[in-house]
N, C-alpha and C. Protein backbone atom coordinates (compact mmCIF):
# COMPACT_ATOMS: atom_id res chain seq x y z
N MET A 1 88.82 76.42 -1.19
CA MET A 1 88.90 76.99 0.13
C MET A 1 87.70 77.89 0.42
N LYS A 2 87.27 78.59 -0.63
CA LYS A 2 86.14 79.49 -0.46
C LYS A 2 84.87 78.70 -0.09
N ASP A 3 84.72 77.52 -0.67
CA ASP A 3 83.57 76.68 -0.36
C ASP A 3 83.62 76.21 1.09
N LEU A 4 84.79 75.90 1.58
CA LEU A 4 84.95 75.45 2.97
C LEU A 4 84.59 76.58 3.94
N ILE A 5 85.03 77.78 3.62
CA ILE A 5 84.69 78.94 4.47
C ILE A 5 83.19 79.18 4.46
N LEU A 6 82.58 79.11 3.28
CA LEU A 6 81.13 79.31 3.17
C LEU A 6 80.36 78.25 3.93
N LEU A 7 80.75 76.99 3.79
CA LEU A 7 80.08 75.90 4.50
C LEU A 7 80.26 76.04 6.02
N SER A 8 81.45 76.37 6.46
CA SER A 8 81.69 76.55 7.90
C SER A 8 80.86 77.71 8.46
N THR A 9 80.78 78.78 7.69
CA THR A 9 79.98 79.92 8.13
C THR A 9 78.51 79.56 8.22
N GLN A 10 78.01 78.83 7.24
CA GLN A 10 76.60 78.45 7.23
C GLN A 10 76.28 77.51 8.39
N ILE A 11 77.15 76.56 8.68
CA ILE A 11 76.93 75.65 9.80
C ILE A 11 76.94 76.40 11.12
N HIS A 12 77.86 77.37 11.24
CA HIS A 12 77.93 78.16 12.47
C HIS A 12 76.68 79.02 12.65
N VAL A 13 76.19 79.60 11.57
CA VAL A 13 74.98 80.44 11.65
C VAL A 13 73.79 79.57 12.06
N VAL A 14 73.67 78.37 11.49
CA VAL A 14 72.58 77.48 11.88
C VAL A 14 72.67 77.11 13.35
N SER A 15 73.88 76.83 13.84
CA SER A 15 74.03 76.46 15.26
C SER A 15 73.68 77.64 16.17
N VAL A 16 74.04 78.85 15.76
CA VAL A 16 73.68 80.03 16.56
C VAL A 16 72.18 80.22 16.56
N LEU A 17 71.53 80.05 15.42
CA LEU A 17 70.07 80.18 15.36
C LEU A 17 69.38 79.13 16.22
N LEU A 18 69.89 77.92 16.21
CA LEU A 18 69.33 76.87 17.08
C LEU A 18 69.52 77.22 18.56
N THR A 19 70.67 77.78 18.87
CA THR A 19 70.93 78.20 20.26
C THR A 19 69.96 79.32 20.67
N ILE A 20 69.69 80.24 19.75
CA ILE A 20 68.72 81.31 20.06
C ILE A 20 67.34 80.71 20.27
N LEU A 21 66.95 79.75 19.43
CA LEU A 21 65.64 79.12 19.60
C LEU A 21 65.54 78.36 20.93
N VAL A 22 66.60 77.70 21.32
CA VAL A 22 66.59 77.02 22.63
C VAL A 22 66.48 78.03 23.75
N ASN A 23 67.16 79.16 23.64
CA ASN A 23 67.07 80.20 24.66
C ASN A 23 65.66 80.78 24.73
N ILE A 24 65.03 80.99 23.61
CA ILE A 24 63.66 81.49 23.60
C ILE A 24 62.72 80.49 24.26
N PHE A 25 62.89 79.23 23.93
CA PHE A 25 62.08 78.18 24.54
C PHE A 25 62.28 78.15 26.07
N LEU A 26 63.52 78.24 26.51
CA LEU A 26 63.78 78.21 27.96
C LEU A 26 63.26 79.46 28.64
N TYR A 27 63.38 80.60 28.01
CA TYR A 27 62.86 81.84 28.59
C TYR A 27 61.35 81.75 28.78
N VAL A 28 60.65 81.33 27.75
CA VAL A 28 59.19 81.24 27.84
C VAL A 28 58.79 80.16 28.86
N THR A 29 59.50 79.05 28.87
CA THR A 29 59.18 77.97 29.81
C THR A 29 59.33 78.42 31.25
N PHE A 30 60.44 79.10 31.56
CA PHE A 30 60.68 79.49 32.95
C PHE A 30 59.93 80.76 33.34
N LEU A 31 59.53 81.55 32.36
CA LEU A 31 58.79 82.77 32.66
C LEU A 31 57.41 82.45 33.23
N PHE A 32 56.78 81.41 32.72
CA PHE A 32 55.42 81.10 33.13
C PHE A 32 55.33 79.98 34.14
N GLU A 33 56.44 79.52 34.66
CA GLU A 33 56.44 78.46 35.68
C GLU A 33 56.49 79.08 37.06
N SER A 34 55.57 78.68 37.94
CA SER A 34 55.55 79.28 39.28
C SER A 34 55.93 78.28 40.38
N ASP A 35 55.75 77.00 40.14
CA ASP A 35 56.07 75.99 41.14
C ASP A 35 57.57 75.71 41.13
N TYR A 36 58.21 75.79 42.30
CA TYR A 36 59.66 75.62 42.37
C TYR A 36 60.10 74.20 42.00
N LYS A 37 59.39 73.21 42.48
CA LYS A 37 59.81 71.83 42.20
C LYS A 37 59.74 71.53 40.69
N THR A 38 58.71 72.00 40.03
CA THR A 38 58.61 71.81 38.59
C THR A 38 59.69 72.61 37.87
N LEU A 39 59.92 73.82 38.35
CA LEU A 39 60.97 74.66 37.77
C LEU A 39 62.34 74.00 37.91
N ALA A 40 62.63 73.45 39.06
CA ALA A 40 63.92 72.78 39.29
C ALA A 40 64.05 71.55 38.41
N ARG A 41 62.99 70.78 38.30
CA ARG A 41 63.02 69.60 37.44
C ARG A 41 63.24 69.99 35.98
N LYS A 42 62.56 71.02 35.53
CA LYS A 42 62.73 71.46 34.16
C LYS A 42 64.13 72.01 33.93
N TYR A 43 64.66 72.72 34.92
CA TYR A 43 66.02 73.24 34.77
C TYR A 43 67.02 72.10 34.63
N GLU A 44 66.89 71.08 35.46
CA GLU A 44 67.81 69.95 35.37
C GLU A 44 67.71 69.26 34.02
N ARG A 45 66.51 69.14 33.50
CA ARG A 45 66.31 68.45 32.23
C ARG A 45 66.77 69.32 31.05
N TYR A 46 66.37 70.58 31.05
CA TYR A 46 66.62 71.42 29.87
C TYR A 46 68.03 72.01 29.86
N SER A 47 68.70 72.04 30.99
CA SER A 47 70.06 72.60 30.99
C SER A 47 70.99 71.75 30.13
N LEU A 48 70.75 70.46 30.06
CA LEU A 48 71.57 69.60 29.19
C LEU A 48 71.41 69.98 27.73
N ILE A 49 70.18 70.26 27.32
CA ILE A 49 69.93 70.69 25.95
C ILE A 49 70.61 72.03 25.67
N TYR A 50 70.49 72.94 26.63
CA TYR A 50 71.12 74.26 26.49
C TYR A 50 72.63 74.11 26.34
N PHE A 51 73.27 73.34 27.19
CA PHE A 51 74.71 73.19 27.13
C PHE A 51 75.15 72.46 25.87
N PHE A 52 74.35 71.54 25.37
CA PHE A 52 74.66 70.87 24.11
C PHE A 52 74.72 71.87 22.97
N PHE A 53 73.70 72.70 22.85
CA PHE A 53 73.68 73.68 21.75
C PHE A 53 74.72 74.76 21.93
N LEU A 54 75.02 75.12 23.18
CA LEU A 54 76.08 76.08 23.44
C LEU A 54 77.43 75.51 23.03
N SER A 55 77.66 74.25 23.32
CA SER A 55 78.92 73.63 22.94
C SER A 55 79.03 73.43 21.43
N VAL A 56 77.91 73.11 20.77
CA VAL A 56 77.91 73.01 19.31
C VAL A 56 78.25 74.36 18.69
N THR A 57 77.69 75.42 19.24
CA THR A 57 77.99 76.77 18.72
C THR A 57 79.47 77.11 18.94
N ALA A 58 79.98 76.78 20.11
CA ALA A 58 81.40 77.05 20.38
C ALA A 58 82.29 76.23 19.45
N PHE A 59 81.95 74.97 19.23
CA PHE A 59 82.76 74.11 18.36
C PHE A 59 82.73 74.59 16.92
N THR A 60 81.54 74.92 16.41
CA THR A 60 81.49 75.41 15.04
C THR A 60 82.17 76.76 14.89
N GLY A 61 82.13 77.58 15.93
CA GLY A 61 82.86 78.84 15.90
C GLY A 61 84.37 78.61 15.87
N LEU A 62 84.83 77.63 16.62
CA LEU A 62 86.25 77.29 16.61
C LEU A 62 86.68 76.73 15.26
N VAL A 63 85.84 75.89 14.66
CA VAL A 63 86.14 75.37 13.32
C VAL A 63 86.20 76.51 12.32
N LEU A 64 85.25 77.44 12.39
CA LEU A 64 85.25 78.58 11.48
C LEU A 64 86.48 79.46 11.70
N PHE A 65 86.86 79.67 12.95
CA PHE A 65 88.06 80.46 13.26
C PHE A 65 89.30 79.78 12.68
N THR A 66 89.35 78.46 12.74
CA THR A 66 90.48 77.72 12.19
C THR A 66 90.49 77.82 10.67
N VAL A 67 89.33 77.67 10.04
CA VAL A 67 89.24 77.75 8.58
C VAL A 67 89.66 79.14 8.09
N LEU A 68 89.33 80.16 8.85
CA LEU A 68 89.71 81.51 8.47
C LEU A 68 91.19 81.80 8.72
N GLY A 69 91.90 80.84 9.25
CA GLY A 69 93.33 81.00 9.44
C GLY A 69 93.70 81.76 10.69
N PHE A 70 92.89 81.69 11.71
CA PHE A 70 93.12 82.35 12.98
C PHE A 70 93.32 83.86 12.84
N LEU A 71 92.55 84.44 11.93
CA LEU A 71 92.60 85.89 11.73
C LEU A 71 91.66 86.56 12.73
N TRP A 72 92.20 87.46 13.52
CA TRP A 72 91.40 88.15 14.53
C TRP A 72 90.67 89.32 13.89
N SER A 73 89.42 89.50 14.28
CA SER A 73 88.64 90.64 13.84
C SER A 73 87.70 91.02 14.98
N LEU A 74 86.99 92.12 14.78
CA LEU A 74 86.04 92.55 15.79
C LEU A 74 84.94 91.52 15.99
N LYS A 75 84.49 90.87 14.90
CA LYS A 75 83.46 89.83 15.00
C LYS A 75 83.93 88.68 15.86
N ILE A 76 85.16 88.24 15.67
CA ILE A 76 85.68 87.11 16.43
C ILE A 76 85.76 87.47 17.91
N VAL A 77 86.24 88.65 18.21
CA VAL A 77 86.37 89.09 19.61
C VAL A 77 84.99 89.18 20.26
N LEU A 78 84.02 89.74 19.55
CA LEU A 78 82.67 89.84 20.08
C LEU A 78 82.05 88.47 20.34
N MET A 79 82.29 87.55 19.43
CA MET A 79 81.73 86.20 19.60
C MET A 79 82.38 85.47 20.78
N ILE A 80 83.69 85.67 20.96
CA ILE A 80 84.36 85.06 22.12
C ILE A 80 83.84 85.67 23.41
N LEU A 81 83.66 87.00 23.43
CA LEU A 81 83.10 87.64 24.62
C LEU A 81 81.68 87.18 24.89
N ALA A 82 80.90 86.98 23.84
CA ALA A 82 79.53 86.47 24.03
C ALA A 82 79.56 85.05 24.60
N LEU A 83 80.45 84.22 24.10
CA LEU A 83 80.57 82.85 24.62
C LEU A 83 81.00 82.87 26.09
N LEU A 84 81.93 83.75 26.44
CA LEU A 84 82.34 83.87 27.84
C LEU A 84 81.18 84.34 28.71
N HIS A 85 80.40 85.30 28.22
CA HIS A 85 79.23 85.78 28.98
C HIS A 85 78.24 84.65 29.21
N LEU A 86 77.93 83.90 28.15
CA LEU A 86 76.98 82.80 28.28
C LEU A 86 77.50 81.74 29.25
N SER A 87 78.77 81.45 29.19
CA SER A 87 79.36 80.44 30.08
C SER A 87 79.36 80.88 31.53
N VAL A 88 79.79 82.11 31.78
CA VAL A 88 79.87 82.61 33.16
C VAL A 88 78.49 82.71 33.79
N THR A 89 77.51 83.21 33.03
CA THR A 89 76.16 83.31 33.59
C THR A 89 75.54 81.94 33.81
N SER A 90 75.92 80.97 32.98
CA SER A 90 75.41 79.60 33.18
C SER A 90 76.00 78.98 34.44
N VAL A 91 77.28 79.22 34.69
CA VAL A 91 77.89 78.71 35.91
C VAL A 91 77.26 79.38 37.14
N LYS A 92 77.03 80.68 37.04
CA LYS A 92 76.40 81.39 38.17
C LYS A 92 74.98 80.87 38.41
N LEU A 93 74.23 80.63 37.33
CA LEU A 93 72.88 80.09 37.47
C LEU A 93 72.91 78.71 38.12
N HIS A 94 73.88 77.88 37.73
CA HIS A 94 73.96 76.55 38.33
C HIS A 94 74.32 76.63 39.82
N ARG A 95 75.17 77.56 40.19
CA ARG A 95 75.48 77.75 41.61
C ARG A 95 74.27 78.22 42.40
N ILE A 96 73.50 79.12 41.81
CA ILE A 96 72.27 79.59 42.48
C ILE A 96 71.29 78.44 42.61
N PHE A 97 71.20 77.61 41.56
CA PHE A 97 70.31 76.46 41.60
C PHE A 97 70.73 75.48 42.70
N LYS A 98 72.01 75.20 42.81
CA LYS A 98 72.48 74.26 43.84
C LYS A 98 72.30 74.81 45.24
N SER A 99 72.37 76.14 45.41
CA SER A 99 72.21 76.70 46.74
C SER A 99 70.75 76.94 47.12
N SER A 100 69.86 76.89 46.14
CA SER A 100 68.44 77.10 46.47
C SER A 100 67.88 75.84 47.12
N ARG A 101 67.02 76.04 48.06
CA ARG A 101 66.42 74.93 48.82
C ARG A 101 64.91 74.94 48.61
N THR A 102 64.32 73.77 48.77
CA THR A 102 62.88 73.68 48.56
C THR A 102 62.11 74.38 49.66
N TYR A 103 62.71 74.61 50.80
CA TYR A 103 61.98 75.24 51.91
C TYR A 103 62.29 76.73 52.05
N ASP A 104 63.26 77.24 51.34
CA ASP A 104 63.65 78.64 51.43
C ASP A 104 63.01 79.43 50.28
N ILE A 105 62.02 80.23 50.60
CA ILE A 105 61.27 80.98 49.58
C ILE A 105 62.15 82.01 48.90
N ASP A 106 63.05 82.66 49.64
CA ASP A 106 63.91 83.70 49.05
C ASP A 106 64.86 83.12 48.01
N SER A 107 65.46 81.97 48.31
CA SER A 107 66.37 81.37 47.34
C SER A 107 65.62 80.84 46.12
N GLN A 108 64.38 80.40 46.32
CA GLN A 108 63.57 79.97 45.18
C GLN A 108 63.27 81.16 44.27
N LYS A 109 62.92 82.29 44.88
CA LYS A 109 62.61 83.50 44.10
C LYS A 109 63.85 84.00 43.38
N LEU A 110 65.00 83.96 44.06
CA LEU A 110 66.26 84.37 43.43
C LEU A 110 66.57 83.49 42.22
N PHE A 111 66.37 82.18 42.38
CA PHE A 111 66.63 81.25 41.29
C PHE A 111 65.72 81.54 40.10
N LYS A 112 64.43 81.70 40.35
CA LYS A 112 63.50 81.96 39.25
C LYS A 112 63.80 83.28 38.56
N ASP A 113 64.03 84.33 39.36
CA ASP A 113 64.32 85.64 38.77
C ASP A 113 65.59 85.62 37.95
N TYR A 114 66.64 85.01 38.49
CA TYR A 114 67.89 84.97 37.76
C TYR A 114 67.79 84.10 36.50
N THR A 115 67.01 83.04 36.57
CA THR A 115 66.83 82.17 35.41
C THR A 115 66.15 82.93 34.27
N VAL A 116 65.10 83.65 34.59
CA VAL A 116 64.39 84.40 33.56
C VAL A 116 65.28 85.52 32.99
N LYS A 117 65.98 86.23 33.87
CA LYS A 117 66.86 87.31 33.40
C LYS A 117 68.02 86.76 32.58
N LYS A 118 68.56 85.64 32.98
CA LYS A 118 69.71 85.05 32.28
C LYS A 118 69.34 84.67 30.85
N TYR A 119 68.23 83.95 30.70
CA TYR A 119 67.86 83.52 29.34
C TYR A 119 67.43 84.68 28.48
N PHE A 120 66.83 85.71 29.06
CA PHE A 120 66.50 86.90 28.28
C PHE A 120 67.76 87.62 27.83
N MET A 121 68.75 87.74 28.72
CA MET A 121 70.02 88.37 28.35
C MET A 121 70.77 87.53 27.32
N ASP A 122 70.68 86.21 27.41
CA ASP A 122 71.32 85.36 26.41
C ASP A 122 70.74 85.63 25.02
N ILE A 123 69.42 85.74 24.96
CA ILE A 123 68.76 86.04 23.68
C ILE A 123 69.23 87.39 23.15
N CYS A 124 69.25 88.39 24.03
CA CYS A 124 69.68 89.73 23.61
C CYS A 124 71.12 89.73 23.13
N VAL A 125 72.01 89.06 23.86
CA VAL A 125 73.42 89.02 23.47
C VAL A 125 73.60 88.33 22.14
N LEU A 126 72.98 87.17 21.95
CA LEU A 126 73.13 86.42 20.71
C LEU A 126 72.57 87.19 19.51
N VAL A 127 71.42 87.81 19.68
CA VAL A 127 70.82 88.57 18.58
C VAL A 127 71.65 89.82 18.28
N LEU A 128 72.13 90.51 19.32
CA LEU A 128 72.94 91.70 19.14
C LEU A 128 74.25 91.37 18.42
N ILE A 129 74.91 90.31 18.84
CA ILE A 129 76.15 89.91 18.19
C ILE A 129 75.88 89.49 16.74
N GLY A 130 74.77 88.84 16.51
CA GLY A 130 74.40 88.47 15.13
C GLY A 130 74.20 89.70 14.26
N PHE A 131 73.49 90.70 14.77
CA PHE A 131 73.28 91.92 13.98
C PHE A 131 74.59 92.67 13.75
N ILE A 132 75.41 92.75 14.78
CA ILE A 132 76.70 93.44 14.61
C ILE A 132 77.58 92.70 13.61
N SER A 133 77.62 91.38 13.69
CA SER A 133 78.42 90.61 12.75
C SER A 133 77.91 90.76 11.31
N TYR A 134 76.61 90.78 11.17
CA TYR A 134 76.05 90.98 9.83
C TYR A 134 76.34 92.39 9.31
N ALA A 135 76.27 93.38 10.19
CA ALA A 135 76.53 94.76 9.78
C ALA A 135 78.00 94.93 9.41
N ILE A 136 78.89 94.26 10.11
CA ILE A 136 80.32 94.37 9.78
C ILE A 136 80.59 93.64 8.46
N HIS A 137 79.86 92.57 8.21
CA HIS A 137 80.08 91.79 6.99
C HIS A 137 79.69 92.53 5.74
N ILE A 138 78.69 93.41 5.85
CA ILE A 138 78.19 94.15 4.68
C ILE A 138 79.15 95.18 4.24
């Protein structure tokens, strides 16, 4: 059983690290993009990758939670809150993207600003939760 817990934990940590790397890539990509049409195309293309890694992280977290016997702890609650934050901000970003128009400069600026802020906050949340979880584990 101990080996199963260790393997599940390692797989979850790898998925979280991959999610952080995808967020860093998206943050840098959208930070330096100025053309709205290119930004919109990249968002449509890269959002699938982002949601794939987010779902892999959620799935491995659920598997780990199951292996641990559904024991609640501060780490589990923080990770669930982080997942909710990432999901809610992703839905909000998608709504902003759908409401932005190619001819409306204000909605384009709102989309770009929110995109950059969202991915930066995602990185901060994931890294912070990782540090807190590691500190609690020690």
